[in-house]
Amino acid sequence: MLVRLSQELTKNLVKGLSYSALTRMIKVAENFTEENFATVSQQLSWSHLIELVTISDDLKREYHLLLSAQNQWGVRELREQIDKMLFERTALAKMPEAEIKNQLCQASKTYLYIKNLLGFNGLSFSQTS
């Protein structure tokens, strides 16, 4: 069905909507809520999102998403950190799941607060580092 949809869309409307592109779009839609996607898509590129949806563990994905945004990692750096098993090597991975979720939520709120505060003052992360 996706193959046919891809062919029809490419033929009639938009170039580049291959079967693999459509499957990646579906994976992103399945892994990010609309609210979460709105925030994430402002901070990370499509290539980052594609890399993140390959992570099956929700907590691990959220961890790498947050660090990637906070540290302004490029896609190559994100991939290297995933391959180096950064999440598994941190003390965070050894905590109970509820505590990990709490820690990630707090870190995300702090990051957004600082980003908004800098934005109101006409600054950005790149100007402060």
N, C-alpha and C. Protein backbone atom coordinates (compact mmCIF):
# COMPACT_ATOMS: atom_id res chain seq x y z
N MET A 1 0.81 -1.18 0.00
CA MET A 1 0.00 0.00 0.00
C MET A 1 0.86 1.26 0.00
N LEU A 2 1.91 1.27 0.83
CA LEU A 2 2.80 2.42 0.87
C LEU A 2 3.56 2.59 -0.44
N VAL A 3 3.91 1.49 -1.05
CA VAL A 3 4.62 1.56 -2.33
C VAL A 3 3.75 2.26 -3.36
N ARG A 4 2.49 1.86 -3.41
CA ARG A 4 1.57 2.47 -4.38
C ARG A 4 1.34 3.95 -4.05
N LEU A 5 1.14 4.26 -2.77
CA LEU A 5 0.96 5.65 -2.35
C LEU A 5 2.17 6.48 -2.73
N SER A 6 3.34 5.95 -2.49
CA SER A 6 4.58 6.64 -2.84
C SER A 6 4.64 6.92 -4.34
N GLN A 7 4.30 5.93 -5.13
CA GLN A 7 4.32 6.10 -6.59
C GLN A 7 3.33 7.16 -7.04
N GLU A 8 2.13 7.14 -6.47
CA GLU A 8 1.11 8.12 -6.84
C GLU A 8 1.51 9.53 -6.43
N LEU A 9 2.01 9.67 -5.22
CA LEU A 9 2.43 10.99 -4.75
C LEU A 9 3.58 11.54 -5.58
N THR A 10 4.54 10.70 -5.87
CA THR A 10 5.70 11.12 -6.66
C THR A 10 5.29 11.48 -8.08
N LYS A 11 4.40 10.70 -8.63
CA LYS A 11 3.96 10.93 -10.00
C LYS A 11 3.11 12.21 -10.11
N ASN A 12 2.23 12.43 -9.16
CA ASN A 12 1.25 13.50 -9.28
C ASN A 12 1.56 14.76 -8.48
N LEU A 13 2.24 14.65 -7.37
CA LEU A 13 2.36 15.81 -6.50
C LEU A 13 3.79 16.22 -6.17
N VAL A 14 4.47 15.38 -5.43
CA VAL A 14 5.73 15.77 -4.83
C VAL A 14 6.84 14.79 -5.20
N LYS A 15 7.95 15.31 -5.61
CA LYS A 15 9.11 14.46 -5.88
C LYS A 15 9.77 14.08 -4.56
N GLY A 16 10.37 12.93 -4.52
CA GLY A 16 11.15 12.51 -3.36
C GLY A 16 10.38 11.79 -2.27
N LEU A 17 9.11 11.50 -2.49
CA LEU A 17 8.35 10.76 -1.49
C LEU A 17 8.42 9.27 -1.80
N SER A 18 9.61 8.74 -1.63
CA SER A 18 9.83 7.32 -1.89
C SER A 18 9.21 6.48 -0.78
N TYR A 19 9.17 5.19 -1.01
CA TYR A 19 8.65 4.27 -0.01
C TYR A 19 9.43 4.41 1.30
N SER A 20 10.76 4.47 1.21
CA SER A 20 11.57 4.57 2.43
C SER A 20 11.33 5.90 3.14
N ALA A 21 11.14 6.98 2.38
CA ALA A 21 10.85 8.28 3.01
C ALA A 21 9.52 8.24 3.74
N LEU A 22 8.52 7.62 3.15
CA LEU A 22 7.21 7.50 3.80
C LEU A 22 7.29 6.65 5.06
N THR A 23 8.04 5.57 5.02
CA THR A 23 8.16 4.72 6.22
C THR A 23 8.88 5.47 7.34
N ARG A 24 9.88 6.28 6.99
CA ARG A 24 10.56 7.10 8.01
C ARG A 24 9.60 8.11 8.61
N MET A 25 8.76 8.74 7.79
CA MET A 25 7.78 9.70 8.28
C MET A 25 6.80 9.03 9.25
N ILE A 26 6.39 7.83 8.92
CA ILE A 26 5.47 7.09 9.78
C ILE A 26 6.14 6.76 11.11
N LYS A 27 7.41 6.34 11.07
CA LYS A 27 8.13 6.04 12.31
C LYS A 27 8.25 7.27 13.20
N VAL A 28 8.54 8.42 12.60
CA VAL A 28 8.63 9.66 13.38
C VAL A 28 7.27 9.97 14.01
N ALA A 29 6.20 9.84 13.23
CA ALA A 29 4.85 10.12 13.74
C ALA A 29 4.48 9.16 14.87
N GLU A 30 4.92 7.93 14.79
CA GLU A 30 4.62 6.94 15.83
C GLU A 30 5.40 7.19 17.12
N ASN A 31 6.59 7.77 16.99
CA ASN A 31 7.47 7.92 18.15
C ASN A 31 7.40 9.28 18.83
N PHE A 32 6.83 10.27 18.19
CA PHE A 32 6.76 11.60 18.78
C PHE A 32 5.32 12.09 18.76
N THR A 33 4.85 12.55 19.92
CA THR A 33 3.51 13.14 19.96
C THR A 33 3.55 14.47 19.20
N GLU A 34 2.39 14.98 18.85
CA GLU A 34 2.34 16.24 18.11
C GLU A 34 3.00 17.37 18.90
N GLU A 35 2.72 17.42 20.20
CA GLU A 35 3.31 18.46 21.05
C GLU A 35 4.82 18.31 21.14
N ASN A 36 5.26 17.09 21.36
CA ASN A 36 6.69 16.80 21.46
C ASN A 36 7.39 17.10 20.14
N PHE A 37 6.76 16.73 19.03
CA PHE A 37 7.35 16.95 17.72
C PHE A 37 7.53 18.45 17.44
N ALA A 38 6.54 19.26 17.85
CA ALA A 38 6.63 20.70 17.62
C ALA A 38 7.86 21.28 18.31
N THR A 39 8.13 20.83 19.52
CA THR A 39 9.29 21.30 20.26
C THR A 39 10.58 20.76 19.67
N VAL A 40 10.60 19.47 19.44
CA VAL A 40 11.81 18.79 18.95
C VAL A 40 12.21 19.28 17.57
N SER A 41 11.25 19.47 16.69
CA SER A 41 11.57 19.85 15.31
C SER A 41 12.18 21.25 15.22
N GLN A 42 12.00 22.07 16.25
CA GLN A 42 12.64 23.38 16.27
C GLN A 42 14.10 23.29 16.70
N GLN A 43 14.44 22.23 17.40
CA GLN A 43 15.78 22.09 17.95
C GLN A 43 16.68 21.15 17.15
N LEU A 44 16.07 20.16 16.50
CA LEU A 44 16.84 19.14 15.81
C LEU A 44 16.39 19.01 14.36
N SER A 45 17.29 18.56 13.54
CA SER A 45 16.98 18.39 12.12
C SER A 45 16.21 17.09 11.88
N TRP A 46 15.69 16.96 10.67
CA TRP A 46 14.99 15.73 10.28
C TRP A 46 15.94 14.54 10.40
N SER A 47 17.19 14.73 10.05
CA SER A 47 18.18 13.64 10.14
C SER A 47 18.37 13.18 11.58
N HIS A 48 18.33 14.12 12.53
CA HIS A 48 18.40 13.75 13.95
C HIS A 48 17.21 12.86 14.31
N LEU A 49 16.02 13.27 13.88
CA LEU A 49 14.81 12.52 14.22
C LEU A 49 14.87 11.11 13.65
N ILE A 50 15.36 10.99 12.42
CA ILE A 50 15.48 9.68 11.78
C ILE A 50 16.44 8.80 12.59
N GLU A 51 17.51 9.39 13.06
CA GLU A 51 18.49 8.65 13.87
C GLU A 51 17.86 8.22 15.20
N LEU A 52 17.08 9.12 15.80
CA LEU A 52 16.47 8.83 17.10
C LEU A 52 15.39 7.75 17.03
N VAL A 53 14.63 7.69 15.95
CA VAL A 53 13.56 6.69 15.88
C VAL A 53 14.10 5.27 15.71
N THR A 54 15.38 5.14 15.44
CA THR A 54 15.96 3.79 15.37
C THR A 54 16.15 3.20 16.76
N ILE A 55 16.03 4.03 17.80
CA ILE A 55 16.18 3.57 19.19
C ILE A 55 14.83 3.06 19.67
N SER A 56 14.76 1.79 20.02
CA SER A 56 13.48 1.19 20.41
C SER A 56 13.09 1.52 21.85
N ASP A 57 14.06 1.72 22.72
CA ASP A 57 13.78 2.02 24.13
C ASP A 57 13.39 3.49 24.27
N ASP A 58 12.18 3.74 24.78
CA ASP A 58 11.68 5.11 24.90
C ASP A 58 12.56 6.00 25.77
N LEU A 59 13.02 5.48 26.90
CA LEU A 59 13.85 6.28 27.80
C LEU A 59 15.20 6.61 27.17
N LYS A 60 15.77 5.64 26.51
CA LYS A 60 17.05 5.85 25.84
C LYS A 60 16.90 6.89 24.73
N ARG A 61 15.79 6.80 23.98
CA ARG A 61 15.53 7.78 22.91
C ARG A 61 15.38 9.18 23.49
N GLU A 62 14.61 9.30 24.56
CA GLU A 62 14.39 10.60 25.20
C GLU A 62 15.70 11.17 25.74
N TYR A 63 16.53 10.32 26.31
CA TYR A 63 17.83 10.73 26.84
C TYR A 63 18.70 11.31 25.72
N HIS A 64 18.82 10.59 24.62
CA HIS A 64 19.65 11.07 23.51
C HIS A 64 19.04 12.31 22.85
N LEU A 65 17.73 12.38 22.80
CA LEU A 65 17.05 13.55 22.25
C LEU A 65 17.42 14.79 23.07
N LEU A 66 17.29 14.67 24.38
CA LEU A 66 17.57 15.79 25.27
C LEU A 66 19.04 16.22 25.19
N LEU A 67 19.95 15.27 25.26
CA LEU A 67 21.37 15.61 25.20
C LEU A 67 21.75 16.19 23.84
N SER A 68 21.18 15.66 22.80
CA SER A 68 21.47 16.15 21.46
C SER A 68 21.04 17.61 21.32
N ALA A 69 19.87 17.94 21.83
CA ALA A 69 19.38 19.31 21.77
C ALA A 69 20.21 20.23 22.67
N GLN A 70 20.46 19.79 23.90
CA GLN A 70 21.21 20.62 24.85
C GLN A 70 22.63 20.89 24.38
N ASN A 71 23.28 19.89 23.85
CA ASN A 71 24.68 20.01 23.45
C ASN A 71 24.86 20.39 22.00
N GLN A 72 23.75 20.58 21.30
CA GLN A 72 23.76 20.95 19.88
C GLN A 72 24.64 20.00 19.06
N TRP A 73 24.42 18.70 19.29
CA TRP A 73 25.16 17.70 18.54
C TRP A 73 24.72 17.68 17.09
N GLY A 74 25.66 17.46 16.21
CA GLY A 74 25.32 17.16 14.83
C GLY A 74 24.87 15.71 14.76
N VAL A 75 24.39 15.30 13.61
CA VAL A 75 23.90 13.93 13.45
C VAL A 75 25.03 12.93 13.66
N ARG A 76 26.21 13.24 13.17
CA ARG A 76 27.35 12.33 13.33
C ARG A 76 27.67 12.12 14.81
N GLU A 77 27.68 13.21 15.59
CA GLU A 77 27.96 13.11 17.02
C GLU A 77 26.87 12.31 17.74
N LEU A 78 25.62 12.54 17.38
CA LEU A 78 24.51 11.78 17.96
C LEU A 78 24.69 10.29 17.69
N ARG A 79 24.98 9.95 16.46
CA ARG A 79 25.18 8.55 16.08
C ARG A 79 26.34 7.94 16.86
N GLU A 80 27.44 8.69 17.01
CA GLU A 80 28.59 8.19 17.76
C GLU A 80 28.24 7.92 19.22
N GLN A 81 27.47 8.83 19.82
CA GLN A 81 27.10 8.65 21.22
C GLN A 81 26.17 7.45 21.41
N ILE A 82 25.28 7.25 20.45
CA ILE A 82 24.41 6.07 20.50
C ILE A 82 25.25 4.81 20.36
N ASP A 83 26.16 4.81 19.38
CA ASP A 83 27.02 3.64 19.15
C ASP A 83 27.95 3.35 20.33
N LYS A 84 28.39 4.41 21.02
CA LYS A 84 29.26 4.24 22.19
C LYS A 84 28.49 3.82 23.43
N MET A 85 27.16 3.67 23.28
CA MET A 85 26.29 3.26 24.38
C MET A 85 26.35 4.24 25.55
N LEU A 86 26.30 5.53 25.24
CA LEU A 86 26.37 6.56 26.26
C LEU A 86 25.31 6.37 27.34
N PHE A 87 24.07 6.14 26.94
CA PHE A 87 22.98 5.96 27.91
C PHE A 87 23.28 4.81 28.86
N GLU A 88 23.69 3.69 28.31
CA GLU A 88 23.95 2.50 29.13
C GLU A 88 25.12 2.70 30.09
N ARG A 89 26.06 3.56 29.73
CA ARG A 89 27.25 3.77 30.55
C ARG A 89 27.04 4.81 31.65
N THR A 90 25.92 5.51 31.64
CA THR A 90 25.68 6.52 32.66
C THR A 90 25.01 5.91 33.88
N ALA A 91 25.13 6.59 34.99
CA ALA A 91 24.46 6.15 36.21
C ALA A 91 22.95 6.21 36.04
N LEU A 92 22.49 7.08 35.18
CA LEU A 92 21.06 7.25 34.93
C LEU A 92 20.42 5.93 34.51
N ALA A 93 21.10 5.16 33.70
CA ALA A 93 20.54 3.91 33.18
C ALA A 93 20.32 2.87 34.28
N LYS A 94 21.01 3.03 35.39
CA LYS A 94 20.89 2.06 36.48
C LYS A 94 19.78 2.43 37.47
N MET A 95 19.17 3.59 37.28
CA MET A 95 18.08 4.04 38.16
C MET A 95 16.78 3.33 37.79
N PRO A 96 15.82 3.33 38.71
CA PRO A 96 14.49 2.81 38.36
C PRO A 96 13.86 3.67 37.26
N GLU A 97 13.02 3.06 36.45
CA GLU A 97 12.43 3.75 35.30
C GLU A 97 11.71 5.03 35.69
N ALA A 98 10.96 5.01 36.78
CA ALA A 98 10.22 6.21 37.22
C ALA A 98 11.17 7.36 37.54
N GLU A 99 12.30 7.05 38.15
CA GLU A 99 13.28 8.08 38.48
C GLU A 99 13.94 8.64 37.22
N ILE A 100 14.22 7.78 36.25
CA ILE A 100 14.79 8.24 34.98
C ILE A 100 13.83 9.21 34.31
N LYS A 101 12.55 8.85 34.26
CA LYS A 101 11.55 9.73 33.64
C LYS A 101 11.51 11.07 34.35
N ASN A 102 11.57 11.05 35.67
CA ASN A 102 11.55 12.28 36.45
C ASN A 102 12.78 13.14 36.14
N GLN A 103 13.95 12.51 36.11
CA GLN A 103 15.20 13.24 35.82
C GLN A 103 15.16 13.86 34.42
N LEU A 104 14.70 13.10 33.44
CA LEU A 104 14.62 13.62 32.07
C LEU A 104 13.62 14.76 31.96
N CYS A 105 12.51 14.64 32.65
CA CYS A 105 11.49 15.69 32.64
C CYS A 105 12.05 16.97 33.24
N GLN A 106 12.72 16.86 34.38
CA GLN A 106 13.31 18.03 35.03
C GLN A 106 14.38 18.67 34.15
N ALA A 107 15.23 17.86 33.55
CA ALA A 107 16.28 18.38 32.68
C ALA A 107 15.69 19.09 31.48
N SER A 108 14.64 18.52 30.92
CA SER A 108 13.99 19.12 29.76
C SER A 108 13.37 20.47 30.12
N LYS A 109 12.71 20.54 31.27
CA LYS A 109 12.10 21.80 31.72
C LYS A 109 13.17 22.86 31.96
N THR A 110 14.27 22.48 32.58
CA THR A 110 15.36 23.41 32.84
C THR A 110 15.95 23.92 31.54
N TYR A 111 16.18 23.02 30.60
CA TYR A 111 16.73 23.39 29.30
C TYR A 111 15.82 24.38 28.59
N LEU A 112 14.51 24.10 28.54
CA LEU A 112 13.57 25.00 27.87
C LEU A 112 13.48 26.34 28.58
N TYR A 113 13.55 26.35 29.91
CA TYR A 113 13.51 27.60 30.67
C TYR A 113 14.71 28.47 30.31
N ILE A 114 15.90 27.88 30.32
CA ILE A 114 17.11 28.63 30.00
C ILE A 114 17.07 29.12 28.56
N LYS A 115 16.64 28.26 27.64
CA LYS A 115 16.57 28.64 26.23
C LYS A 115 15.61 29.82 26.05
N ASN A 116 14.44 29.76 26.69
CA ASN A 116 13.47 30.86 26.59
C ASN A 116 14.00 32.13 27.24
N LEU A 117 14.66 32.00 28.38
CA LEU A 117 15.22 33.15 29.07
C LEU A 117 16.26 33.85 28.19
N LEU A 118 17.13 33.07 27.58
CA LEU A 118 18.12 33.64 26.67
C LEU A 118 17.45 34.29 25.46
N GLY A 119 16.41 33.63 24.94
CA GLY A 119 15.69 34.17 23.79
C GLY A 119 15.06 35.51 24.08
N PHE A 120 14.49 35.67 25.27
CA PHE A 120 13.88 36.94 25.65
C PHE A 120 14.91 38.06 25.75
N ASN A 121 16.14 37.69 26.03
CA ASN A 121 17.21 38.67 26.14
C ASN A 121 18.00 38.82 24.84
N GLY A 122 17.50 38.22 23.78
CA GLY A 122 18.15 38.35 22.48
C GLY A 122 19.42 37.54 22.34
N LEU A 123 19.60 36.54 23.18
CA LEU A 123 20.80 35.71 23.13
C LEU A 123 20.44 34.32 22.66
N SER A 124 21.44 33.56 22.30
CA SER A 124 21.24 32.15 21.96
C SER A 124 22.36 31.35 22.60
N PHE A 125 22.21 30.04 22.60
CA PHE A 125 23.24 29.19 23.18
C PHE A 125 24.59 29.43 22.51
N SER A 126 24.59 29.60 21.22
CA SER A 126 25.86 29.76 20.50
C SER A 126 26.56 31.06 20.88
N GLN A 127 25.78 32.09 21.27
CA GLN A 127 26.38 33.36 21.66
C GLN A 127 26.95 33.30 23.07
N THR A 128 26.46 32.38 23.88
CA THR A 128 26.90 32.33 25.27
C THR A 128 28.05 31.36 25.48
N SER A 129 28.33 30.51 24.51
CA SER A 129 29.40 29.53 24.71
C SER A 129 30.69 30.00 24.13
